[in-house]
Amino acid sequence: MQKLRPTFHLARQPSSQLIQQQYRTMRLHEYQAAQLMLKYRIPVPLGTVAFNAKEAYYIARKFGPEYNRKFIVKAQIQASERNQGYFRENGFQGGIHTVQSPEEVQEVAKNMCGKILICPGSGDGFLCRCVYITEQLDSAKEFYISVSQDRARACPVITYGAWPCLTYGAESCSINGQRVVLDSGQDVIAEKKGFKQIFIDVTKGLNVSMLSEVATELGIADKKSEMIFLLKHLYDCFIQRDAELIEINPLVYTRDQQIVAAGTKVIIDDNALYRQAELKSEQDRTQVNYKERIANSFDLQYISLQGNIGVMANGAGMALAQMDTIRLFGGKPANFLDLGGGATHEQIIEALKLLEKDDNIEVIVINIFGGILSCDMIASSILLAIEEVTPTKPIILRLKGTGQESAKVMIDEKANASAMEEHGAKLYFCEQIDKAAQLAVQLAIERVERKLGERNGDPVLTKAGEDQE
């Protein structure tokens, strides 16, 4: 058996990213975001969307015989770090390509359209239904501009600056030796030297005088009026469209002294979609992980990850603490799942079914603090779920707070333990978060070793934890 020990302390950044993702949002594709920018008179590169390779070829041809610059072909999925990904069906590397001819545009589109692009942190990946074909701008300088919500100050914030290492078309770079995802919003880049922020009082609105020095600070003082115009219209779009984030990355200052929004990201608050009918009609539901779609249908906060230990908790903080502790002992969480403080029987049952049916999950950890949601209610829901779908995976329960003793008695007496064990599953109780995490990692390792042994015909590993003669 592999010796278990803490391997590293989980940095805060992954947890903060998960917290951000809990907010209900709708993200536009890049080509849709570019169209929105045009409606607010913000210049974007020449380009359009293609849904197949043949269409991509003819679109590239329409750039005209006088066009003598390169094309940029971008896979349209709603995930970060597209250029670090690969397509599942053919292994084609990268979701952003710079090419020189319509024929090359066609070939790249052929490798992208209709295929799944898997990026870092994207789980099973996302279907690329179309590609966005744009001109490559003749860039002299490149900047980052965004308008977002600053939740700590409860106000909109404009963030701007120049990337010291930005290459046009890139989605990540290295600053002070640390790799940074560029389309990650203000929380990452605001901490980087050279980036500035303007906080806006929504009761007073945007004061143009606040924007007067932006162009000078970016080193394009001769474009002061154009920069004020762009920022004002960007803020108008942010407010009028109920956005969580509008990001231009990069904002390109071309050699012929034009300012162009070369890459745009727009995220809309889901709760405001009732008054954003036009944007709602453009929502691409194929870009939501199917497990997340199921969870959303039951109003569960769920994020799919790439590990093999399922996590369910009542409260984001509890879930993140359990996930951090699993990582501390060398494991990898398969998901973030927050039941919330007032979950129903149906939600709890569906949450457990969701984790049980996930083929990537080897072990399930349920961490409940009894308060509004009592432990005995969780226990009764777990029993109902076990009756409906006999678990095939070990379940580790940590029940603390209101009703914890009666919950344990209820599960001990009524859980169909024999049926579970026939399917290789078992219920475990743990008092502490770290003990639950350590046991989960151990059980996950055993189950993986067992599967490998069965696959390879290795008698030593045919049963976890036991040597066979």
Protein backbone atom coordinates (compact mmCIF):
# COMPACT_ATOMS: atom_id res chain seq x y z
CA MET A 1 0.00 0.00 0.00
CA GLN A 2 1.30 3.44 -0.90
CA LYS A 3 2.23 5.47 2.16
CA LEU A 4 0.05 8.54 2.47
CA ARG A 5 1.40 11.85 3.62
CA PRO A 6 0.63 15.52 2.96
CA THR A 7 2.36 16.45 -0.28
CA PHE A 8 1.72 20.17 -0.53
CA HIS A 9 -0.50 22.92 0.77
CA LEU A 10 -3.12 23.95 -1.75
CA ALA A 11 -2.68 27.54 -2.89
CA ARG A 12 -5.64 29.85 -2.47
CA GLN A 13 -6.02 30.65 -6.17
CA PRO A 14 -7.88 27.44 -7.23
CA SER A 15 -10.40 27.90 -4.43
CA SER A 16 -10.98 31.55 -5.30
CA GLN A 17 -11.57 30.58 -8.92
CA LEU A 18 -14.19 28.07 -7.81
CA ILE A 19 -15.90 30.69 -5.70
CA GLN A 20 -16.07 32.99 -8.71
CA GLN A 21 -17.62 30.25 -10.85
CA GLN A 22 -20.47 29.73 -8.40
CA TYR A 23 -22.13 32.97 -9.46
CA ARG A 24 -24.78 32.24 -12.05
CA THR A 25 -23.49 33.63 -15.33
CA MET A 26 -23.94 33.31 -19.08
CA ARG A 27 -20.87 33.61 -21.26
CA LEU A 28 -20.94 34.71 -24.90
CA HIS A 29 -18.77 33.21 -27.59
CA GLU A 30 -15.99 35.49 -28.76
CA TYR A 31 -17.66 36.20 -32.10
CA GLN A 32 -20.89 37.12 -30.29
CA ALA A 33 -18.94 39.40 -27.97
CA ALA A 34 -17.34 41.10 -30.98
CA GLN A 35 -20.76 41.70 -32.50
CA LEU A 36 -21.87 43.26 -29.22
CA MET A 37 -18.83 45.56 -29.24
CA LEU A 38 -19.78 46.80 -32.71
CA LYS A 39 -23.23 47.76 -31.42
CA TYR A 40 -21.47 50.04 -28.94
CA ARG A 41 -19.22 51.48 -31.65
CA ILE A 42 -16.09 49.78 -30.36
CA PRO A 43 -13.88 48.72 -33.30
CA VAL A 44 -13.06 45.02 -33.73
CA PRO A 45 -10.97 43.17 -36.35
CA LEU A 46 -12.42 42.19 -39.69
CA GLY A 47 -13.84 38.71 -39.21
CA THR A 48 -16.83 36.41 -39.01
CA VAL A 49 -17.91 32.97 -37.84
CA ALA A 50 -17.88 29.71 -39.82
CA PHE A 51 -19.65 26.48 -38.90
CA ASN A 52 -17.73 24.12 -41.18
CA ALA A 53 -14.47 23.95 -43.12
CA LYS A 54 -15.96 24.81 -46.50
CA GLU A 55 -17.68 27.88 -45.10
CA ALA A 56 -14.40 28.90 -43.44
CA TYR A 57 -12.60 28.72 -46.78
CA TYR A 58 -15.09 30.98 -48.56
CA ILE A 59 -15.09 33.44 -45.67
CA ALA A 60 -11.30 33.70 -45.89
CA ARG A 61 -11.56 34.24 -49.65
CA LYS A 62 -13.96 37.14 -49.04
CA PHE A 63 -11.20 39.05 -47.26
CA GLY A 64 -10.28 40.02 -50.82
CA PRO A 65 -7.33 39.71 -53.21
CA GLU A 66 -5.65 42.77 -51.67
CA TYR A 67 -5.52 41.14 -48.24
CA ASN A 68 -1.86 40.42 -47.49
CA ARG A 69 -1.87 39.65 -43.76
CA LYS A 70 -2.30 36.42 -41.85
CA PHE A 71 -5.58 34.95 -40.62
CA ILE A 72 -6.34 33.95 -37.04
CA VAL A 73 -8.66 30.95 -36.60
CA LYS A 74 -10.16 30.59 -33.12
CA ALA A 75 -12.16 27.62 -31.86
CA GLN A 76 -15.38 28.90 -30.31
CA ILE A 77 -15.73 27.25 -26.94
CA GLN A 78 -16.39 28.88 -23.59
CA ALA A 79 -13.22 27.91 -21.76
CA SER A 80 -9.91 29.52 -20.91
CA GLU A 81 -6.50 28.60 -22.30
CA ARG A 82 -7.80 27.34 -25.62
CA ASN A 83 -4.32 27.35 -27.09
CA GLN A 84 -3.14 24.95 -24.37
CA GLY A 85 -5.78 22.38 -25.30
CA TYR A 86 -6.20 19.57 -27.80
CA PHE A 87 -9.07 18.05 -29.77
CA ARG A 88 -10.16 14.69 -28.42
CA GLU A 89 -11.07 13.04 -31.72
CA ASN A 90 -7.90 13.76 -33.71
CA GLY A 91 -5.33 15.04 -31.22
CA PHE A 92 -5.09 18.36 -33.06
CA GLN A 93 -3.17 20.74 -30.81
CA GLY A 94 -4.35 24.22 -29.88
CA GLY A 95 -7.61 26.10 -30.25
CA ILE A 96 -6.06 29.23 -31.80
CA HIS A 97 -4.01 29.13 -35.00
CA THR A 98 -2.38 31.78 -37.18
CA VAL A 99 -2.30 30.81 -40.86
CA GLN A 100 -1.44 32.44 -44.18
CA SER A 101 -4.01 31.30 -46.75
CA PRO A 102 -7.69 30.38 -47.18
CA GLU A 103 -6.58 26.79 -47.79
CA GLU A 104 -4.89 26.69 -44.40
CA VAL A 105 -7.95 28.29 -42.82
CA GLN A 106 -10.03 25.46 -44.28
CA GLU A 107 -7.65 22.79 -42.98
CA VAL A 108 -7.59 24.21 -39.45
CA ALA A 109 -11.39 24.58 -39.40
CA LYS A 110 -11.71 20.97 -40.55
CA ASN A 111 -9.68 19.85 -37.54
CA MET A 112 -11.78 21.96 -35.14
CA CYS A 113 -15.44 22.06 -36.16
CA GLY A 114 -17.64 19.36 -34.66
CA LYS A 115 -14.94 18.12 -32.30
CA ILE A 116 -14.35 18.28 -28.54
CA LEU A 117 -11.65 20.68 -27.36
CA ILE A 118 -10.15 19.74 -24.00
CA CYS A 119 -8.38 22.59 -22.20
CA PRO A 120 -6.70 22.74 -18.78
CA GLY A 121 -9.44 22.65 -16.16
CA SER A 122 -12.24 22.01 -18.69
CA GLY A 123 -12.97 18.45 -17.56
CA ASP A 124 -14.33 16.42 -20.46
CA GLY A 125 -13.96 19.39 -22.80
CA PHE A 126 -16.43 21.35 -24.90
CA LEU A 127 -17.88 20.88 -28.36
CA CYS A 128 -16.44 23.29 -30.93
CA ARG A 129 -19.42 24.00 -33.17
CA CYS A 130 -17.79 26.86 -35.07
CA VAL A 131 -14.63 28.88 -35.60
CA TYR A 132 -14.10 32.64 -35.56
CA ILE A 133 -11.90 33.82 -38.44
CA THR A 134 -10.32 37.26 -38.12
CA GLU A 135 -7.58 39.30 -39.67
CA GLN A 136 -4.25 39.49 -37.88
CA LEU A 137 -3.66 43.08 -36.91
CA ASP A 138 -0.34 44.82 -37.44
CA SER A 139 0.25 45.41 -33.76
CA ALA A 140 2.53 48.09 -32.30
CA LYS A 141 1.33 47.89 -28.68
CA GLU A 142 -1.09 45.67 -26.80
CA PHE A 143 -3.09 46.28 -23.65
CA TYR A 144 -5.56 44.71 -21.26
CA ILE A 145 -8.87 46.49 -20.53
CA SER A 146 -11.81 45.16 -18.51
CA VAL A 147 -14.93 46.29 -16.68
CA SER A 148 -16.04 43.95 -13.92
CA GLN A 149 -17.74 43.76 -10.55
CA ASP A 150 -15.56 44.34 -7.50
CA ARG A 151 -17.47 42.35 -4.89
CA ALA A 152 -15.36 43.53 -1.97
CA ARG A 153 -16.20 47.18 -2.71
CA ALA A 154 -19.63 46.45 -4.23
CA CYS A 155 -19.00 48.57 -7.30
CA PRO A 156 -17.90 48.29 -10.93
CA VAL A 157 -14.17 48.58 -11.61
CA ILE A 158 -12.21 49.37 -14.77
CA THR A 159 -8.86 47.58 -14.90
CA TYR A 160 -6.23 48.48 -17.47
CA GLY A 161 -2.56 48.00 -18.23
CA ALA A 162 0.01 46.73 -20.71
CA TRP A 163 1.10 43.12 -20.68
CA PRO A 164 4.92 43.10 -20.65
CA CYS A 165 5.05 39.82 -22.53
CA LEU A 166 1.81 39.72 -24.47
CA THR A 167 1.87 38.15 -27.92
CA TYR A 168 -1.16 38.88 -30.08
CA GLY A 169 -3.53 35.92 -30.10
CA ALA A 170 -2.08 34.44 -26.89
CA GLU A 171 -4.20 33.56 -23.88
CA SER A 172 -1.50 33.22 -21.24
CA CYS A 173 1.96 34.50 -20.46
CA SER A 174 4.54 34.60 -17.69
CA ILE A 175 4.85 37.49 -15.26
CA ASN A 176 7.57 37.38 -12.62
CA GLY A 177 8.04 33.70 -13.43
CA GLN A 178 4.36 32.88 -12.84
CA ARG A 179 2.12 31.70 -15.66
CA VAL A 180 -1.04 33.79 -15.82
CA VAL A 181 -4.26 33.07 -17.70
CA LEU A 182 -5.14 36.27 -19.50
CA ASP A 183 -8.92 36.00 -19.62
CA SER A 184 -9.33 35.50 -15.89
CA GLY A 185 -10.70 38.88 -14.84
CA GLN A 186 -9.51 41.54 -12.47
CA ASP A 187 -8.68 39.33 -9.49
CA VAL A 188 -5.50 37.99 -11.08
CA ILE A 189 -4.22 40.98 -12.98
CA ALA A 190 -4.98 43.66 -10.38
CA GLU A 191 -2.19 42.22 -8.23
CA LYS A 192 0.35 42.54 -11.03
CA LYS A 193 2.64 45.53 -11.10
CA GLY A 194 1.71 48.06 -13.75
CA PHE A 195 -2.04 47.44 -13.80
CA LYS A 196 -4.34 50.14 -12.49
CA GLN A 197 -7.98 50.25 -11.48
CA ILE A 198 -10.74 52.85 -11.48
CA PHE A 199 -13.56 52.18 -9.02
CA ILE A 200 -16.93 53.63 -10.01
CA ASP A 201 -19.72 54.83 -7.74
CA VAL A 202 -22.85 53.51 -9.46
CA THR A 203 -24.97 56.25 -7.89
CA LYS A 204 -22.88 58.89 -9.66
CA GLY A 205 -21.96 56.98 -12.79
CA LEU A 206 -18.79 57.19 -14.83
CA ASN A 207 -17.10 60.58 -14.74
CA VAL A 208 -15.20 61.25 -17.96
CA SER A 209 -12.52 63.10 -15.98
CA MET A 210 -11.65 59.77 -14.35
CA LEU A 211 -10.59 58.45 -17.76
CA SER A 212 -8.51 61.39 -18.93
CA GLU A 213 -5.14 59.93 -17.92
CA VAL A 214 -5.66 56.35 -19.12
CA ALA A 215 -4.25 56.91 -22.60
CA THR A 216 -1.20 58.72 -21.21
CA GLU A 217 -0.53 55.95 -18.68
CA LEU A 218 -0.72 53.38 -21.49
CA GLY A 219 1.78 55.34 -23.57
CA ILE A 220 -0.64 56.48 -26.27
CA ALA A 221 -1.32 60.05 -25.16
CA ASP A 222 -2.20 61.08 -28.72
CA LYS A 223 -5.24 58.75 -28.50
CA LYS A 224 -6.75 60.32 -25.40
CA SER A 225 -10.15 61.11 -26.94
CA GLU A 226 -10.42 57.68 -28.60
CA MET A 227 -9.58 55.91 -25.33
CA ILE A 228 -12.14 57.94 -23.38
CA PHE A 229 -14.73 57.10 -26.05
CA LEU A 230 -13.90 53.39 -25.86
CA LEU A 231 -13.98 53.19 -22.06
CA LYS A 232 -17.21 55.15 -21.81
CA HIS A 233 -18.98 52.89 -24.32
CA LEU A 234 -17.49 49.78 -22.72
CA TYR A 235 -18.92 50.86 -19.36
CA ASP A 236 -22.29 51.66 -20.96
CA CYS A 237 -22.36 48.14 -22.41
CA PHE A 238 -21.43 46.68 -19.02
CA ILE A 239 -24.30 48.46 -17.24
CA GLN A 240 -26.97 48.18 -19.94
CA ARG A 241 -26.31 44.47 -20.57
CA ASP A 242 -26.14 43.43 -16.89
CA ALA A 243 -22.62 42.10 -17.34
CA GLU A 244 -20.41 40.46 -14.74
CA LEU A 245 -17.33 41.01 -16.89
CA ILE A 246 -16.42 42.62 -20.20
CA GLU A 247 -12.81 42.05 -21.09
CA ILE A 248 -10.79 43.23 -24.09
CA ASN A 249 -7.64 41.19 -24.33
CA PRO A 250 -5.72 42.33 -26.16
CA LEU A 251 -6.67 45.88 -27.02
CA VAL A 252 -4.36 46.48 -29.96
CA TYR A 253 -2.76 49.78 -30.95
CA THR A 254 -1.88 49.19 -34.59
CA ARG A 255 1.07 50.59 -36.54
CA ASP A 256 -1.34 52.83 -38.44
CA GLN A 257 -2.43 54.24 -35.04
CA GLN A 258 -5.84 52.59 -34.70
CA ILE A 259 -7.27 51.17 -31.46
CA VAL A 260 -8.97 47.79 -31.99
CA ALA A 261 -10.56 45.31 -29.56
CA ALA A 262 -8.81 42.21 -30.89
CA GLY A 263 -10.20 39.75 -28.36
CA THR A 264 -13.37 40.21 -26.32
CA LYS A 265 -14.92 38.21 -23.51
CA VAL A 266 -18.40 38.95 -22.14
CA ILE A 267 -20.07 37.30 -19.15
CA ILE A 268 -23.69 38.17 -18.31
CA ASP A 269 -25.44 37.75 -14.96
CA ASP A 270 -27.93 34.87 -15.34
CA ASN A 271 -30.31 36.50 -12.89
CA ALA A 272 -30.76 39.44 -15.28
CA LEU A 273 -31.47 37.42 -18.42
CA TYR A 274 -35.20 38.10 -18.10
CA ARG A 275 -34.45 41.63 -19.32
CA GLN A 276 -31.76 40.59 -21.80
CA ALA A 277 -33.89 38.61 -24.25
CA GLU A 278 -31.58 39.29 -27.19
CA LEU A 279 -28.53 37.92 -25.40
CA LYS A 280 -30.46 35.01 -23.90
CA SER A 281 -31.43 33.87 -27.39
CA GLU A 282 -27.72 33.59 -28.24
CA GLN A 283 -26.91 31.30 -25.31
CA ASP A 284 -25.09 28.13 -26.38
CA ARG A 285 -26.18 25.43 -23.95
CA THR A 286 -23.77 22.90 -25.48
CA GLN A 287 -21.03 24.82 -23.66
CA VAL A 288 -22.30 23.78 -20.26
CA ASN A 289 -20.87 20.48 -19.03
CA TYR A 290 -23.69 17.91 -19.14
CA LYS A 291 -23.21 17.11 -15.45
CA GLU A 292 -23.44 20.81 -14.66
CA ARG A 293 -26.61 21.02 -16.75
CA ILE A 294 -28.18 18.23 -14.69
CA ALA A 295 -27.09 19.90 -11.46
CA ASN A 296 -28.42 23.27 -12.59
CA SER A 297 -31.80 21.73 -13.37
CA PHE A 298 -32.07 20.86 -9.65
CA ASP A 299 -30.60 24.22 -8.58
CA LEU A 300 -27.38 22.65 -7.28
CA GLN A 301 -24.07 24.50 -7.35
CA TYR A 302 -21.84 22.06 -9.24
CA ILE A 303 -18.51 22.40 -11.02
CA SER A 304 -16.90 19.46 -12.79
CA LEU A 305 -13.16 18.93 -12.21
CA GLN A 306 -10.61 16.34 -13.33
CA GLY A 307 -10.04 14.24 -10.21
CA ASN A 308 -11.54 10.97 -8.98
CA ILE A 309 -12.88 11.83 -5.51
CA GLY A 310 -16.43 13.15 -5.47
CA VAL A 311 -17.28 15.85 -2.93
CA MET A 312 -20.68 16.92 -1.60
CA ALA A 313 -21.17 19.47 1.18
CA ASN A 314 -23.69 21.99 2.47
CA GLY A 315 -21.92 25.30 1.99
CA ALA A 316 -19.24 26.54 -0.36
CA GLY A 317 -16.72 26.99 2.45
CA MET A 318 -17.24 23.45 3.69
CA ALA A 319 -16.91 22.03 0.18
CA LEU A 320 -13.73 24.00 -0.53
CA ALA A 321 -12.21 23.03 2.82
CA GLN A 322 -12.86 19.35 2.08
CA MET A 323 -11.40 19.70 -1.41
CA ASP A 324 -8.31 21.48 -0.09
CA THR A 325 -7.76 18.72 2.46
CA ILE A 326 -8.11 16.02 -0.19
CA ARG A 327 -5.42 17.77 -2.22
CA LEU A 328 -3.28 18.10 0.90
CA PHE A 329 -3.13 14.30 1.10
CA GLY A 330 -2.31 13.93 -2.58
CA GLY A 331 -5.81 13.33 -3.94
CA LYS A 332 -7.73 15.13 -6.67
CA PRO A 333 -11.35 16.24 -6.25
CA ALA A 334 -13.64 15.30 -9.14
CA ASN A 335 -16.08 18.12 -8.52
CA PHE A 336 -17.35 20.95 -6.38
CA LEU A 337 -20.93 20.35 -5.19
CA ASP A 338 -22.68 22.69 -2.75
CA LEU A 339 -26.11 21.61 -1.52
CA GLY A 340 -26.69 24.98 0.12
CA GLY A 341 -28.39 25.61 3.43
CA GLY A 342 -31.92 24.59 2.49
CA ALA A 343 -31.61 21.55 0.25
CA THR A 344 -34.66 19.34 -0.29
CA HIS A 345 -34.83 15.54 -0.27
CA GLU A 346 -34.98 15.60 -4.06
CA GLN A 347 -31.86 17.76 -4.37
CA ILE A 348 -29.85 15.54 -2.02
CA ILE A 349 -30.94 12.38 -3.82
CA GLU A 350 -30.13 13.83 -7.24
CA ALA A 351 -26.76 15.09 -5.98
CA LEU A 352 -25.77 11.63 -4.79
CA LYS A 353 -27.03 10.04 -8.01
CA LEU A 354 -24.98 12.54 -10.02
CA LEU A 355 -21.78 11.54 -8.21
CA GLU A 356 -22.60 7.84 -8.29
CA LYS A 357 -23.13 7.85 -12.06
CA ASP A 358 -19.87 9.70 -12.76
CA ASP A 359 -17.49 7.09 -14.17
CA ASN A 360 -14.46 9.19 -13.19
CA ILE A 361 -15.32 9.08 -9.49
CA GLU A 362 -13.89 6.28 -7.31
CA VAL A 363 -14.96 7.52 -3.86
CA ILE A 364 -17.65 9.91 -2.61
CA VAL A 365 -17.11 12.19 0.40
CA ILE A 366 -20.19 13.79 1.98
CA ASN A 367 -19.43 16.51 4.52
CA ILE A 368 -22.45 17.96 6.33
CA PHE A 369 -22.64 20.46 9.14
CA GLY A 370 -26.10 20.20 10.67
CA GLY A 371 -27.80 23.55 11.10
CA ILE A 372 -30.63 24.67 8.86
CA LEU A 373 -30.02 21.40 7.01
CA SER A 374 -30.03 18.77 9.76
CA CYS A 375 -27.90 15.64 9.67
CA ASP A 376 -30.89 13.32 10.09
CA MET A 377 -32.56 14.85 7.03
CA ILE A 378 -29.39 14.19 5.04
CA ALA A 379 -29.34 10.65 6.39
CA SER A 380 -32.92 9.93 5.32
CA SER A 381 -32.20 11.32 1.86
CA ILE A 382 -29.07 9.17 1.55
CA LEU A 383 -31.09 6.10 2.49
CA LEU A 384 -33.67 6.92 -0.18
CA ALA A 385 -30.90 7.38 -2.74
CA ILE A 386 -29.29 4.07 -1.76
CA GLU A 387 -32.64 2.33 -2.27
CA GLU A 388 -33.10 3.94 -5.67
CA VAL A 389 -29.56 3.43 -6.97
CA THR A 390 -27.43 0.90 -5.12
CA PRO A 391 -24.03 2.64 -4.80
CA THR A 392 -21.04 0.98 -6.40
CA LYS A 393 -18.53 3.35 -4.79
CA PRO A 394 -17.44 3.81 -1.18
CA ILE A 395 -19.21 6.68 0.59
CA ILE A 396 -17.46 8.53 3.40
CA LEU A 397 -19.81 10.46 5.67
CA ARG A 398 -18.89 13.28 7.99
CA LEU A 399 -21.98 14.42 9.88
CA LYS A 400 -21.59 17.13 12.51
CA GLY A 401 -24.13 19.31 14.25
CA THR A 402 -27.90 19.09 14.60
CA GLY A 403 -29.15 15.50 14.49
CA GLN A 404 -25.75 13.86 14.01
CA GLU A 405 -26.27 10.99 16.48
CA SER A 406 -29.74 10.07 15.24
CA ALA A 407 -28.44 10.28 11.67
CA LYS A 408 -25.69 7.75 12.36
CA VAL A 409 -28.11 5.39 14.07
CA MET A 410 -30.56 5.71 11.18
CA ILE A 411 -27.93 4.86 8.57
CA ASP A 412 -26.41 2.02 10.63
CA GLU A 413 -29.82 0.41 11.07
CA LYS A 414 -31.38 0.92 7.66
CA ALA A 415 -28.61 1.17 5.07
CA ASN A 416 -28.54 -1.89 2.83
CA ALA A 417 -24.87 -2.56 3.57
CA SER A 418 -24.86 -6.08 2.12
CA ALA A 419 -26.19 -4.90 -1.24
CA MET A 420 -23.61 -2.13 -1.35
CA GLU A 421 -20.72 -4.46 -0.52
CA GLU A 422 -21.78 -6.81 -3.31
CA HIS A 423 -21.12 -3.90 -5.68
CA GLY A 424 -17.78 -3.02 -4.08
CA ALA A 425 -19.17 -0.17 -1.99
CA LYS A 426 -19.27 0.57 1.71
CA LEU A 427 -20.32 3.35 4.09
CA TYR A 428 -17.70 4.91 6.35
CA PHE A 429 -18.15 7.46 9.13
CA CYS A 430 -15.41 10.00 9.89
CA GLU A 431 -15.37 12.60 12.67
CA GLN A 432 -12.72 14.89 11.17
CA ILE A 433 -12.26 16.51 7.75
CA ASP A 434 -8.64 15.37 7.49
CA LYS A 435 -9.50 11.77 8.37
CA ALA A 436 -12.24 11.76 5.73
CA ALA A 437 -9.82 13.14 3.15
CA GLN A 438 -7.06 10.68 4.02
CA LEU A 439 -9.44 7.72 3.86
CA ALA A 440 -10.86 8.94 0.54
CA VAL A 441 -7.40 9.17 -1.01
CA GLN A 442 -6.50 5.71 0.30
CA LEU A 443 -9.69 4.12 -1.03
CA ALA A 444 -9.31 5.86 -4.40
CA ILE A 445 -5.76 4.50 -4.74
CA GLU A 446 -6.93 0.99 -3.85
CA ARG A 447 -9.76 1.06 -6.38
CA VAL A 448 -7.50 2.36 -9.15
CA GLU A 449 -4.90 -0.33 -8.37
CA ARG A 450 -7.60 -2.97 -8.38
CA LYS A 451 -8.89 -1.88 -11.78
CA LEU A 452 -5.38 -1.85 -13.20
CA GLY A 453 -4.77 -5.31 -11.80
CA GLU A 454 -7.98 -6.69 -13.30
CA ARG A 455 -7.17 -5.07 -16.64
CA ASN A 456 -3.64 -6.48 -16.70
CA GLY A 457 -4.55 -9.85 -15.20
CA ASP A 458 -2.24 -9.23 -12.24
CA PRO A 459 -3.31 -11.60 -9.42
CA VAL A 460 -1.53 -9.45 -6.81
CA LEU A 461 -3.94 -6.60 -7.38
CA THR A 462 -7.19 -8.43 -8.02
CA LYS A 463 -8.50 -7.39 -4.61
CA ALA A 464 -7.56 -4.13 -2.97
CA GLY A 465 -5.26 -4.45 0.01
CA GLU A 466 -4.87 -8.26 -0.20
CA ASP A 467 -2.08 -10.33 -1.72
CA GLN A 468 -3.28 -13.35 -3.67
CA GLU A 469 -1.38 -16.60 -3.94
